[in-house]
Structure formats: structure tokens, C-alpha cells
Amino acid sequence: VQLQASGGGLVQPGGSLRLNCRTSSAIFSRSDMYWYRRVPGKDREFVASIVSGGTVNYADSVKGRFTISRDNRLKTVYLQMNSLNSDDTAVYYCSMWQRYWGQGTQVTVSS
């Protein structure tokens, strides 16, 4: 399974970004999808998840600011990130089943 994450970049505090994670996997619609992030020197941190049935879950640190969604027709999972702050600076990874991982996309929040 290959996962291709994109959408990262440099954004000012208070700004927004949308991350995308695309796959060609035929089982995407039946898969639970996750976003994690990692800051250098720290463990990987759970950010959000969306299961095949659509139920979502968020880390407390991003609740109310981030929204995870999916488009099964496009085989893509999204992470809409609003009200970004410096603590959100990290490499963001998408995952299928917490078993397959994308290459990561850098998000930097800085003025």
C-alpha cells in the first residue's frame, strides 16, 4: 500500500492548511485512516483518525481546530488545520490501519 501525503508548508500563526493523503489502494473505502505527527526528538503523536464508517477521533490538542475527512471515490483522506500555532509544527504522516505509512509532509508554523 502506498500513501502519498501533500499539502504541508509554511504558515503564519493563526493560519490554515489542508493536508491530503492519497492512495491507489483498492481497500481504501474499508480502511481506517490516521494522521500522526512527529517533532524531532519526540515520539510520534496521534492527531486524528477516521474509520471506514466515518466516525472520527481527535487528539485533545487539536480538537476544535482540525477536521479529518475522507473521499472514498478519490481514495483520499484530508486534514483541515485551522488556527495553527507553533506547537503544530511537525512532520505529518498519514497511515492506513496504523500499519502502512506515507512519507510525511512538513508543516511549519512561524511568523
N, C-alpha and C. Protein backbone atom coordinates (compact mmCIF):
# COMPACT_ATOMS: atom_id res chain seq x y z
N VAL A 1 0.86 -1.18 0.00
CA VAL A 1 0.00 0.00 0.00
C VAL A 1 0.90 1.24 0.00
N GLN A 2 0.64 2.13 -0.94
CA GLN A 2 1.39 3.39 -1.00
C GLN A 2 0.47 4.54 -0.63
N LEU A 3 0.99 5.41 0.23
CA LEU A 3 0.25 6.58 0.67
C LEU A 3 1.08 7.81 0.33
N GLN A 4 0.48 8.77 -0.32
CA GLN A 4 1.18 9.98 -0.75
C GLN A 4 0.58 11.18 -0.05
N ALA A 5 1.33 11.76 0.89
CA ALA A 5 0.85 12.92 1.63
C ALA A 5 1.37 14.20 0.97
N SER A 6 0.54 15.23 1.02
CA SER A 6 0.93 16.52 0.47
C SER A 6 0.16 17.62 1.18
N GLY A 7 0.53 18.86 0.87
CA GLY A 7 -0.21 19.99 1.42
C GLY A 7 0.49 20.74 2.53
N GLY A 8 1.62 20.23 2.98
CA GLY A 8 2.34 20.93 4.04
C GLY A 8 2.98 22.20 3.52
N GLY A 9 3.54 22.97 4.45
CA GLY A 9 4.21 24.20 4.06
C GLY A 9 4.43 25.10 5.24
N LEU A 10 4.78 26.34 4.93
CA LEU A 10 5.00 27.35 5.95
C LEU A 10 3.77 28.24 6.06
N VAL A 11 3.29 28.42 7.28
CA VAL A 11 2.10 29.23 7.50
C VAL A 11 2.30 30.06 8.76
N GLN A 12 1.69 31.22 8.78
CA GLN A 12 1.79 32.10 9.95
C GLN A 12 0.87 31.61 11.06
N PRO A 13 1.19 31.93 12.29
CA PRO A 13 0.28 31.58 13.40
C PRO A 13 -1.12 32.12 13.12
N GLY A 14 -2.10 31.27 13.42
CA GLY A 14 -3.49 31.62 13.14
C GLY A 14 -3.96 31.22 11.76
N GLY A 15 -3.04 30.78 10.93
CA GLY A 15 -3.38 30.41 9.57
C GLY A 15 -3.92 29.00 9.45
N SER A 16 -4.15 28.60 8.20
CA SER A 16 -4.75 27.30 7.91
C SER A 16 -3.97 26.58 6.82
N LEU A 17 -4.05 25.27 6.87
CA LEU A 17 -3.51 24.41 5.82
C LEU A 17 -4.43 23.20 5.69
N ARG A 18 -4.45 22.61 4.52
CA ARG A 18 -5.15 21.34 4.34
C ARG A 18 -4.17 20.31 3.82
N LEU A 19 -4.03 19.24 4.58
CA LEU A 19 -3.19 18.13 4.16
C LEU A 19 -4.04 17.11 3.41
N ASN A 20 -3.42 16.49 2.43
CA ASN A 20 -4.08 15.46 1.65
C ASN A 20 -3.23 14.18 1.71
N CYS A 21 -3.91 13.07 1.68
CA CYS A 21 -3.21 11.79 1.63
C CYS A 21 -3.95 10.89 0.66
N ARG A 22 -3.29 10.58 -0.43
CA ARG A 22 -3.90 9.81 -1.49
C ARG A 22 -3.32 8.41 -1.56
N THR A 23 -4.14 7.46 -1.94
CA THR A 23 -3.68 6.10 -2.17
C THR A 23 -4.38 5.53 -3.37
N SER A 24 -3.77 4.52 -3.94
CA SER A 24 -4.42 3.80 -5.03
C SER A 24 -5.00 2.48 -4.53
N SER A 25 -4.90 2.28 -3.23
CA SER A 25 -5.33 1.00 -2.67
C SER A 25 -6.81 0.75 -2.91
N ALA A 26 -7.11 -0.44 -3.33
CA ALA A 26 -8.49 -0.82 -3.62
C ALA A 26 -9.32 -0.96 -2.35
N ILE A 27 -8.64 -1.06 -1.20
CA ILE A 27 -9.39 -1.27 0.04
C ILE A 27 -9.56 0.02 0.82
N PHE A 28 -9.29 1.16 0.20
CA PHE A 28 -9.34 2.43 0.93
C PHE A 28 -10.67 2.64 1.62
N SER A 29 -11.75 2.38 0.93
CA SER A 29 -13.08 2.67 1.49
C SER A 29 -13.37 1.83 2.72
N ARG A 30 -12.67 0.72 2.87
CA ARG A 30 -12.90 -0.16 4.03
C ARG A 30 -11.82 0.02 5.09
N SER A 31 -10.99 1.02 4.91
CA SER A 31 -9.82 1.19 5.78
C SER A 31 -10.01 2.32 6.78
N ASP A 32 -9.44 2.10 7.96
CA ASP A 32 -9.34 3.16 8.96
C ASP A 32 -8.10 3.98 8.64
N MET A 33 -8.26 5.28 8.66
CA MET A 33 -7.18 6.18 8.26
C MET A 33 -6.80 7.10 9.43
N TYR A 34 -5.52 7.42 9.49
CA TYR A 34 -4.99 8.18 10.62
C TYR A 34 -4.05 9.28 10.12
N TRP A 35 -3.99 10.31 10.92
CA TRP A 35 -2.93 11.31 10.81
C TRP A 35 -2.15 11.32 12.13
N TYR A 36 -0.85 11.27 12.00
CA TYR A 36 0.06 11.42 13.11
C TYR A 36 1.03 12.55 12.79
N ARG A 37 1.75 13.00 13.79
CA ARG A 37 2.80 13.98 13.56
C ARG A 37 3.99 13.69 14.46
N ARG A 38 5.13 14.17 14.03
CA ARG A 38 6.36 13.96 14.79
C ARG A 38 7.20 15.22 14.78
N VAL A 39 7.63 15.58 15.97
CA VAL A 39 8.59 16.67 16.16
C VAL A 39 9.94 16.02 16.43
N PRO A 40 11.01 16.52 15.84
CA PRO A 40 12.33 15.93 16.08
C PRO A 40 12.62 15.77 17.57
N GLY A 41 13.07 14.57 17.94
CA GLY A 41 13.40 14.31 19.33
C GLY A 41 12.24 13.84 20.18
N LYS A 42 11.06 13.78 19.57
CA LYS A 42 9.87 13.33 20.32
C LYS A 42 9.24 12.14 19.64
N ASP A 43 8.40 11.44 20.39
CA ASP A 43 7.67 10.31 19.82
C ASP A 43 6.60 10.81 18.85
N ARG A 44 6.25 9.92 17.94
CA ARG A 44 5.15 10.23 17.04
C ARG A 44 3.87 10.40 17.84
N GLU A 45 3.06 11.39 17.46
CA GLU A 45 1.86 11.76 18.21
C GLU A 45 0.62 11.58 17.36
N PHE A 46 -0.37 10.94 17.92
CA PHE A 46 -1.66 10.80 17.24
C PHE A 46 -2.31 12.17 17.08
N VAL A 47 -2.87 12.41 15.91
CA VAL A 47 -3.56 13.67 15.64
C VAL A 47 -5.06 13.44 15.44
N ALA A 48 -5.40 12.55 14.51
CA ALA A 48 -6.81 12.34 14.18
C ALA A 48 -6.97 11.02 13.46
N SER A 49 -8.19 10.51 13.51
CA SER A 49 -8.50 9.27 12.80
C SER A 49 -9.92 9.34 12.26
N ILE A 50 -10.13 8.57 11.21
CA ILE A 50 -11.47 8.40 10.65
C ILE A 50 -11.59 6.95 10.20
N VAL A 51 -12.57 6.26 10.77
CA VAL A 51 -12.73 4.85 10.43
C VAL A 51 -13.58 4.72 9.17
N SER A 52 -13.68 3.50 8.68
CA SER A 52 -14.38 3.29 7.42
C SER A 52 -15.83 3.75 7.49
N GLY A 53 -16.44 3.63 8.65
CA GLY A 53 -17.82 4.05 8.80
C GLY A 53 -18.01 5.55 8.96
N GLY A 54 -16.88 6.27 9.11
CA GLY A 54 -16.95 7.72 9.18
C GLY A 54 -16.76 8.31 10.57
N THR A 55 -16.73 7.50 11.59
CA THR A 55 -16.52 8.03 12.94
C THR A 55 -15.12 8.62 13.04
N VAL A 56 -15.04 9.79 13.66
CA VAL A 56 -13.76 10.50 13.76
C VAL A 56 -13.34 10.60 15.22
N ASN A 57 -12.05 10.79 15.40
CA ASN A 57 -11.49 10.96 16.73
C ASN A 57 -10.31 11.93 16.61
N TYR A 58 -10.11 12.74 17.65
CA TYR A 58 -9.05 13.75 17.61
C TYR A 58 -8.25 13.75 18.91
N ALA A 59 -7.00 14.11 18.78
CA ALA A 59 -6.21 14.40 19.97
C ALA A 59 -6.78 15.66 20.62
N ASP A 60 -6.68 15.71 21.94
CA ASP A 60 -7.21 16.87 22.66
C ASP A 60 -6.57 18.17 22.17
N SER A 61 -5.31 18.09 21.80
CA SER A 61 -4.57 19.29 21.41
C SER A 61 -5.07 19.92 20.12
N VAL A 62 -5.83 19.17 19.32
CA VAL A 62 -6.28 19.71 18.03
C VAL A 62 -7.80 19.80 17.92
N LYS A 63 -8.51 19.33 18.92
CA LYS A 63 -9.97 19.36 18.89
C LYS A 63 -10.46 20.79 18.70
N GLY A 64 -11.42 20.92 17.81
CA GLY A 64 -11.99 22.24 17.55
C GLY A 64 -11.21 23.05 16.53
N ARG A 65 -10.02 22.59 16.18
CA ARG A 65 -9.20 23.31 15.20
C ARG A 65 -8.95 22.49 13.94
N PHE A 66 -8.83 21.18 14.09
CA PHE A 66 -8.54 20.30 12.96
C PHE A 66 -9.79 19.49 12.62
N THR A 67 -9.93 19.18 11.34
CA THR A 67 -11.03 18.34 10.88
C THR A 67 -10.48 17.30 9.91
N ILE A 68 -10.75 16.04 10.20
CA ILE A 68 -10.36 14.96 9.31
C ILE A 68 -11.59 14.55 8.49
N SER A 69 -11.35 14.24 7.24
CA SER A 69 -12.45 13.80 6.37
C SER A 69 -11.87 12.89 5.31
N ARG A 70 -12.77 12.26 4.56
CA ARG A 70 -12.31 11.34 3.53
C ARG A 70 -13.22 11.42 2.33
N ASP A 71 -12.66 11.08 1.18
CA ASP A 71 -13.41 10.96 -0.05
C ASP A 71 -13.08 9.58 -0.62
N ASN A 72 -13.99 8.66 -0.46
CA ASN A 72 -13.69 7.29 -0.89
C ASN A 72 -13.60 7.17 -2.41
N ARG A 73 -14.29 8.04 -3.10
CA ARG A 73 -14.20 7.98 -4.57
C ARG A 73 -12.81 8.39 -5.03
N LEU A 74 -12.23 9.39 -4.38
CA LEU A 74 -10.88 9.85 -4.73
C LEU A 74 -9.80 9.12 -3.96
N LYS A 75 -10.20 8.24 -3.04
CA LYS A 75 -9.25 7.49 -2.21
C LYS A 75 -8.30 8.44 -1.50
N THR A 76 -8.86 9.44 -0.90
CA THR A 76 -8.07 10.49 -0.26
C THR A 76 -8.63 10.80 1.13
N VAL A 77 -7.72 11.00 2.06
CA VAL A 77 -8.09 11.48 3.38
C VAL A 77 -7.48 12.87 3.55
N TYR A 78 -8.23 13.75 4.21
CA TYR A 78 -7.83 15.13 4.36
C TYR A 78 -7.67 15.48 5.83
N LEU A 79 -6.85 16.46 6.09
CA LEU A 79 -6.75 17.04 7.42
C LEU A 79 -6.77 18.55 7.26
N GLN A 80 -7.92 19.14 7.56
CA GLN A 80 -8.05 20.60 7.54
C GLN A 80 -7.57 21.13 8.87
N MET A 81 -6.58 22.00 8.84
CA MET A 81 -5.97 22.53 10.06
C MET A 81 -6.17 24.03 10.11
N ASN A 82 -6.88 24.48 11.11
CA ASN A 82 -7.15 25.90 11.30
C ASN A 82 -6.54 26.38 12.61
N SER A 83 -6.44 27.69 12.74
CA SER A 83 -5.90 28.30 13.96
C SER A 83 -4.57 27.67 14.37
N LEU A 84 -3.70 27.52 13.41
CA LEU A 84 -2.43 26.87 13.67
C LEU A 84 -1.55 27.70 14.59
N ASN A 85 -0.79 27.01 15.40
CA ASN A 85 0.18 27.68 16.27
C ASN A 85 1.51 26.94 16.19
N SER A 86 2.50 27.48 16.86
CA SER A 86 3.85 26.93 16.73
C SER A 86 3.94 25.48 17.24
N ASP A 87 3.06 25.12 18.15
CA ASP A 87 3.07 23.74 18.66
C ASP A 87 2.63 22.73 17.60
N ASP A 88 2.04 23.21 16.53
CA ASP A 88 1.61 22.32 15.45
C ASP A 88 2.73 22.04 14.44
N THR A 89 3.86 22.71 14.60
CA THR A 89 4.99 22.47 13.71
C THR A 89 5.49 21.05 13.86
N ALA A 90 5.50 20.30 12.78
CA ALA A 90 5.88 18.89 12.83
C ALA A 90 5.88 18.34 11.41
N VAL A 91 6.36 17.13 11.28
CA VAL A 91 6.13 16.36 10.06
C VAL A 91 4.87 15.55 10.28
N TYR A 92 3.95 15.66 9.35
CA TYR A 92 2.66 14.98 9.46
C TYR A 92 2.66 13.75 8.55
N TYR A 93 2.18 12.64 9.12
CA TYR A 93 2.15 11.38 8.41
C TYR A 93 0.73 10.85 8.35
N CYS A 94 0.35 10.34 7.21
CA CYS A 94 -0.92 9.63 7.13
C CYS A 94 -0.64 8.13 7.20
N SER A 95 -1.63 7.41 7.66
CA SER A 95 -1.48 5.98 7.85
C SER A 95 -2.79 5.27 7.57
N MET A 96 -2.65 4.08 7.00
CA MET A 96 -3.78 3.19 6.84
C MET A 96 -3.62 2.08 7.86
N TRP A 97 -4.62 1.96 8.69
CA TRP A 97 -4.64 0.92 9.72
C TRP A 97 -3.50 1.02 10.72
N GLN A 98 -2.78 2.10 10.75
CA GLN A 98 -1.59 2.26 11.58
C GLN A 98 -0.57 1.17 11.21
N ARG A 99 -0.67 0.70 10.00
CA ARG A 99 0.23 -0.33 9.51
C ARG A 99 1.04 0.17 8.33
N TYR A 100 0.39 0.92 7.47
CA TYR A 100 1.06 1.46 6.29
C TYR A 100 1.18 2.97 6.47
N TRP A 101 2.34 3.50 6.09
CA TRP A 101 2.62 4.91 6.37
C TRP A 101 3.07 5.64 5.12
N GLY A 102 2.64 6.88 5.01
CA GLY A 102 3.12 7.75 3.95
C GLY A 102 4.46 8.34 4.31
N GLN A 103 4.98 9.17 3.42
CA GLN A 103 6.32 9.67 3.58
C GLN A 103 6.41 10.91 4.48
N GLY A 104 5.31 11.49 4.80
CA GLY A 104 5.31 12.67 5.66
C GLY A 104 5.36 13.97 4.89
N THR A 105 4.74 14.98 5.45
CA THR A 105 4.78 16.31 4.86
C THR A 105 5.02 17.31 5.99
N GLN A 106 5.95 18.23 5.75
CA GLN A 106 6.37 19.17 6.79
C GLN A 106 5.37 20.32 6.92
N VAL A 107 4.98 20.59 8.15
CA VAL A 107 4.16 21.77 8.46
C VAL A 107 4.97 22.64 9.41
N THR A 108 5.18 23.88 9.02
CA THR A 108 5.91 24.82 9.85
C THR A 108 5.05 26.05 10.10
N VAL A 109 4.81 26.33 11.38
CA VAL A 109 4.01 27.49 11.76
C VAL A 109 4.95 28.52 12.38
N SER A 110 5.12 29.60 11.66
CA SER A 110 6.09 30.61 12.11
C SER A 110 5.77 31.95 11.47
N SER A 111 6.05 33.00 12.22
CA SER A 111 5.88 34.34 11.65
C SER A 111 7.19 34.83 11.03
